[in-house]
């Protein structure tokens, strides 16, 4: 990939206010893209927008709550209104509410399902008729779709659905639009950091079990996501790229 290989391309990134989504937005900006930043924290969105613009990209904020399903398709309209077209979606936002089976509630299950699956499906439905040949969609899944974890059944089910959704849409939208999924492992983000801080020795144990000997960084995930969006990945569709330092290989 060249330094400005995303120049002129318009991409919506959900969950862009922090963590992996913010890292993806910054990398897209560095490569010249125009980015719609979805998130719920205006202060953090402003910081990400400034970073994108400082690196030579363009950005607009879209403080839409993905649980408001009727408002979700408007994210696509924001991209078209601001930049004239839409070329990519990075469907990264995720609601994580871990509970043992006995403590799950219908509300918790539905909120995770709506945020992690339904909102993103609605975005693709709205965007697909507007996307030109060569456009790309990247769903962000999780290694919880590939391995079992305690107290994560509802969340993991949404990630398994995400991977299935990517495969189905890759077939349905070919050859115009490529659709792929990226499944990160343990990555240092605002979702994981409180767990690491509250559990002494947990990061060391994760690192010991991971073949590369450490947990991942958000910028490493961003590089993989932008690859899937870019022209060098033009023969990649319907794939699930696991980026976990070899964790699921053991």
Protein backbone atom coordinates (compact mmCIF):
# COMPACT_ATOMS: atom_id res chain seq x y z
CA UNK A 1 0.00 0.00 0.00
CA UNK A 2 1.26 3.45 -0.85
CA UNK A 3 1.26 6.32 1.63
CA UNK A 4 -1.88 8.03 0.20
CA UNK A 5 -3.59 5.03 -1.39
CA UNK A 6 -7.00 5.91 0.13
CA UNK A 7 -7.01 9.43 -1.32
CA UNK A 8 -10.48 10.44 -2.48
CA UNK A 9 -12.24 7.53 -0.81
CA UNK A 10 -15.07 8.05 1.69
CA UNK A 11 -15.40 5.63 4.61
CA UNK A 12 -17.80 5.38 7.56
CA UNK A 13 -16.19 4.04 10.75
CA UNK A 14 -18.45 3.03 13.63
CA UNK A 15 -17.09 3.10 17.16
CA UNK A 16 -14.59 5.73 16.07
CA UNK A 17 -14.26 7.65 19.32
CA UNK A 18 -11.68 5.33 20.92
CA UNK A 19 -9.76 2.09 20.67
CA UNK A 20 -9.59 0.22 17.39
CA UNK A 21 -12.14 2.46 15.66
CA UNK A 22 -10.15 5.59 16.45
CA UNK A 23 -6.97 3.89 15.25
CA UNK A 24 -8.67 2.90 11.98
CA UNK A 25 -9.90 6.47 11.47
CA UNK A 26 -6.43 7.90 12.07
CA UNK A 27 -4.84 5.42 9.66
CA UNK A 28 -7.45 6.22 7.00
CA UNK A 29 -6.73 9.92 7.46
CA UNK A 30 -3.00 9.31 7.11
CA UNK A 31 -3.70 7.55 3.83
CA UNK A 32 -5.82 10.43 2.52
CA UNK A 33 -9.38 9.20 3.10
CA UNK A 34 -12.46 11.17 4.08
CA UNK A 35 -13.99 9.63 7.20
CA UNK A 36 -17.38 9.74 8.91
CA UNK A 37 -16.74 9.20 12.61
CA UNK A 38 -19.58 7.51 14.50
CA UNK A 39 -19.49 7.54 18.27
CA UNK A 40 -21.32 8.77 21.35
CA UNK A 41 -18.62 10.89 23.00
CA UNK A 42 -18.36 14.30 21.27
CA UNK A 43 -15.12 15.23 23.05
CA UNK A 44 -13.37 12.06 21.96
CA UNK A 45 -14.80 12.33 18.45
CA UNK A 46 -13.39 15.84 18.20
CA UNK A 47 -9.95 14.58 19.17
CA UNK A 48 -10.10 11.86 16.51
CA UNK A 49 -11.37 14.32 13.91
CA UNK A 50 -8.46 16.64 14.67
CA UNK A 51 -6.00 13.75 14.32
CA UNK A 52 -7.48 12.74 10.96
CA UNK A 53 -7.37 16.29 9.64
CA UNK A 54 -3.87 16.94 10.97
CA UNK A 55 -2.62 13.95 8.98
CA UNK A 56 -4.14 15.26 5.75
CA UNK A 57 -7.48 13.46 5.71
CA UNK A 58 -10.99 14.85 6.04
CA UNK A 59 -13.52 13.98 8.72
CA UNK A 60 -17.00 14.73 9.98
CA UNK A 61 -18.59 13.61 13.21
CA UNK A 62 -21.79 11.58 13.43
CA UNK A 63 -22.80 11.23 17.12
CA UNK A 64 -25.47 8.61 16.41
CA UNK A 65 -26.42 5.96 18.97
CA UNK A 66 -26.42 2.61 17.15
CA UNK A 67 -29.17 1.38 19.46
CA UNK A 68 -31.44 3.89 17.70
CA UNK A 69 -31.93 1.62 14.71
CA UNK A 70 -34.08 4.08 12.78
CA UNK A 71 -31.26 6.64 12.86
CA UNK A 72 -28.51 4.24 11.77
CA UNK A 73 -28.98 4.45 7.96
CA UNK A 74 -28.46 8.20 8.26
CA UNK A 75 -24.76 7.54 8.83
CA UNK A 76 -24.50 6.56 5.19
CA UNK A 77 -26.41 9.66 4.15
CA UNK A 78 -23.95 11.75 6.18
CA UNK A 79 -21.07 10.40 4.11
CA UNK A 80 -22.81 11.12 0.83
CA UNK A 81 -23.83 14.60 1.96
CA UNK A 82 -20.37 15.50 3.25
CA UNK A 83 -18.17 13.86 0.64
CA UNK A 84 -20.42 13.14 -2.36
CA UNK A 85 -20.09 9.36 -2.30
CA UNK A 86 -19.40 6.37 -0.08
CA UNK A 87 -16.70 3.78 -0.78
CA UNK A 88 -16.28 1.87 2.45
CA UNK A 89 -17.74 0.82 5.77
CA UNK A 90 -15.79 -0.25 8.85
CA UNK A 91 -18.38 -1.78 11.15
CA UNK A 92 -16.43 -1.80 14.36
CA UNK A 93 -18.72 -0.54 17.15
CA UNK A 94 -19.59 -3.15 19.73
CA UNK A 95 -21.53 -3.47 22.96
CA UNK A 96 -19.95 -5.91 25.42
CA UNK A 97 -22.05 -6.91 28.43
CA UNK A 98 -20.54 -10.10 29.88
CA UNK A 99 -22.88 -12.09 32.13
CA UNK A 100 -23.08 -15.72 33.20
CA UNK A 101 -25.96 -17.60 31.62
CA UNK A 102 -28.03 -17.48 34.80
CA UNK A 103 -27.71 -13.68 34.98
CA UNK A 104 -28.50 -12.79 31.36
CA UNK A 105 -31.49 -10.55 30.73
CA UNK A 106 -33.54 -10.15 27.59
CA UNK A 107 -32.67 -6.46 27.54
CA UNK A 108 -28.93 -7.19 27.62
CA UNK A 109 -29.20 -9.78 24.86
CA UNK A 110 -31.27 -7.52 22.63
CA UNK A 111 -29.05 -4.47 23.15
CA UNK A 112 -25.92 -6.42 22.19
CA UNK A 113 -27.68 -7.95 19.19
CA UNK A 114 -29.02 -4.62 17.94
CA UNK A 115 -25.71 -2.80 18.33
CA UNK A 116 -23.35 -5.51 17.15
CA UNK A 117 -25.39 -7.04 14.33
CA UNK A 118 -28.64 -5.32 13.35
CA UNK A 119 -27.30 -1.77 13.18
CA UNK A 120 -24.46 -2.84 10.92
CA UNK A 121 -26.72 -4.88 8.65
CA UNK A 122 -28.96 -1.83 8.24
CA UNK A 123 -25.94 0.28 7.30
CA UNK A 124 -24.88 -2.16 4.58
CA UNK A 125 -28.46 -2.29 3.31
CA UNK A 126 -28.50 1.49 2.97
CA UNK A 127 -24.98 1.82 1.55
CA UNK A 128 -24.85 -1.01 -0.98
CA UNK A 129 -27.01 0.65 -3.68
CA UNK A 130 -24.84 3.77 -3.41
CA UNK A 131 -21.44 2.09 -3.57
CA UNK A 132 -19.46 1.95 -6.80
CA UNK A 133 -17.42 -0.98 -8.06
CA UNK A 134 -14.36 -1.50 -5.91
CA UNK A 135 -16.06 -0.53 -2.68
CA UNK A 136 -15.43 -2.53 0.47
CA UNK A 137 -17.10 -3.43 3.76
CA UNK A 138 -15.16 -4.66 6.79
CA UNK A 139 -16.98 -6.12 9.78
CA UNK A 140 -14.99 -6.29 13.01
CA UNK A 141 -15.68 -9.55 14.81
CA UNK A 142 -13.72 -11.14 17.67
CA UNK A 143 -11.85 -14.28 18.54
CA UNK A 144 -14.85 -15.02 20.78
CA UNK A 145 -16.48 -16.19 17.54
CA UNK A 146 -13.77 -18.87 17.31
CA UNK A 147 -13.27 -19.98 20.92
CA UNK A 148 -15.37 -20.37 24.05
CA UNK A 149 -15.18 -17.89 26.92
CA UNK A 150 -17.13 -17.87 30.21
CA UNK A 151 -19.89 -15.28 30.64
CA UNK A 152 -19.68 -14.28 26.97
CA UNK A 153 -22.38 -16.38 25.29
CA UNK A 154 -24.62 -13.51 24.18
CA UNK A 155 -21.74 -11.34 22.99
CA UNK A 156 -19.97 -14.23 21.27
CA UNK A 157 -23.17 -15.16 19.46
CA UNK A 158 -23.30 -11.67 17.96
CA UNK A 159 -19.73 -12.06 16.74
CA UNK A 160 -20.45 -15.44 15.21
CA UNK A 161 -23.42 -13.87 13.46
CA UNK A 162 -21.18 -11.06 12.24
CA UNK A 163 -18.83 -13.53 10.56
CA UNK A 164 -21.72 -15.38 8.92
CA UNK A 165 -23.22 -12.08 7.78
CA UNK A 166 -19.95 -11.08 6.13
CA UNK A 167 -19.81 -14.33 4.16
CA UNK A 168 -23.42 -14.10 3.00
CA UNK A 169 -23.09 -10.48 1.92
CA UNK A 170 -19.79 -11.16 0.16
CA UNK A 171 -21.63 -13.55 -2.14
CA UNK A 172 -24.73 -11.39 -2.54
CA UNK A 173 -22.87 -8.14 -3.28
CA UNK A 174 -20.15 -9.58 -5.54
CA UNK A 175 -18.54 -8.58 -7.79
CA UNK A 176 -19.18 -4.89 -7.10
CA UNK A 177 -18.56 -4.77 -3.35
CA UNK A 178 -16.10 -6.83 -1.32
CA UNK A 179 -17.15 -7.86 2.20
CA UNK A 180 -14.75 -9.24 4.78
CA UNK A 181 -14.46 -9.75 8.50
CA UNK A 182 -11.55 -9.12 10.84
CA UNK A 183 -11.41 -10.94 14.17
CA UNK A 184 -9.03 -9.29 16.65
CA UNK A 185 -7.70 -11.08 19.68
CA UNK A 186 -6.76 -9.40 22.94
CA UNK A 187 -5.98 -5.78 22.06
CA UNK A 188 -5.11 -2.91 24.38
CA UNK A 189 -8.29 -0.81 24.13
CA UNK A 190 -10.64 0.98 26.56
CA UNK A 191 -12.72 -2.22 26.59
CA UNK A 192 -9.86 -4.44 27.75
CA UNK A 193 -7.77 -2.03 29.86
CA UNK A 194 -10.14 -1.97 32.89
CA UNK A 195 -10.10 -5.78 32.96
CA UNK A 196 -6.30 -5.82 32.86
CA UNK A 197 -6.09 -3.18 35.58
CA UNK A 198 -8.55 -5.02 37.84
CA UNK A 199 -6.86 -8.40 37.47
CA UNK A 200 -3.18 -8.44 38.50
CA UNK A 201 -1.15 -10.79 36.35
CA UNK A 202 -3.85 -11.19 33.69
CA UNK A 203 -1.88 -9.42 30.95
CA UNK A 204 1.15 -11.58 31.74
CA UNK A 205 -0.93 -14.75 31.46
CA UNK A 206 -2.46 -13.61 28.17
CA UNK A 207 0.97 -12.74 26.82
CA UNK A 208 2.37 -16.10 27.91
CA UNK A 209 -0.39 -17.98 26.09
CA UNK A 210 -0.05 -15.88 22.91
CA UNK A 211 2.64 -17.18 20.54
CA UNK A 212 3.99 -13.68 19.76
CA UNK A 213 4.37 -13.11 23.50
CA UNK A 214 2.19 -10.04 24.04
CA UNK A 215 -1.27 -8.59 23.54
CA UNK A 216 -2.03 -6.51 20.46
CA UNK A 217 -2.15 -2.77 19.89
CA UNK A 218 -4.98 -0.89 18.20
CA UNK A 219 -2.70 0.41 15.44
CA UNK A 220 -1.92 -3.16 14.41
CA UNK A 221 -5.61 -3.88 13.96
CA UNK A 222 -6.05 -0.64 12.03
CA UNK A 223 -3.35 -1.62 9.55
CA UNK A 224 -5.13 -4.91 8.83
CA UNK A 225 -8.53 -3.22 8.45
CA UNK A 226 -7.18 -0.65 6.00
CA UNK A 227 -5.54 -3.43 4.00
CA UNK A 228 -8.93 -5.12 3.60
CA UNK A 229 -10.41 -1.80 2.43
CA UNK A 230 -7.66 -1.14 -0.08
CA UNK A 231 -6.93 -2.09 -3.69
CA UNK A 232 -4.20 -4.63 -2.81
CA UNK A 233 -6.98 -6.73 -1.23
CA UNK A 234 -9.05 -6.70 -4.43
CA UNK A 235 -9.13 -10.52 -4.59
CA UNK A 236 -10.14 -10.90 -0.94
CA UNK A 237 -13.84 -11.25 -0.16
CA UNK A 238 -15.87 -13.46 2.15
CA UNK A 239 -12.82 -13.93 4.35
CA UNK A 240 -12.37 -13.77 8.10
CA UNK A 241 -8.90 -12.50 8.97
CA UNK A 242 -7.90 -13.45 12.51
CA UNK A 243 -5.39 -11.00 14.00
CA UNK A 244 -4.61 -12.38 17.44
CA UNK A 245 -0.88 -13.03 17.65
CA UNK A 246 -1.53 -16.73 17.13
CA UNK A 247 -3.80 -17.07 20.18
CA UNK A 248 -6.45 -19.23 18.45
CA UNK A 249 -3.74 -21.36 16.80
CA UNK A 250 -2.87 -22.97 20.14
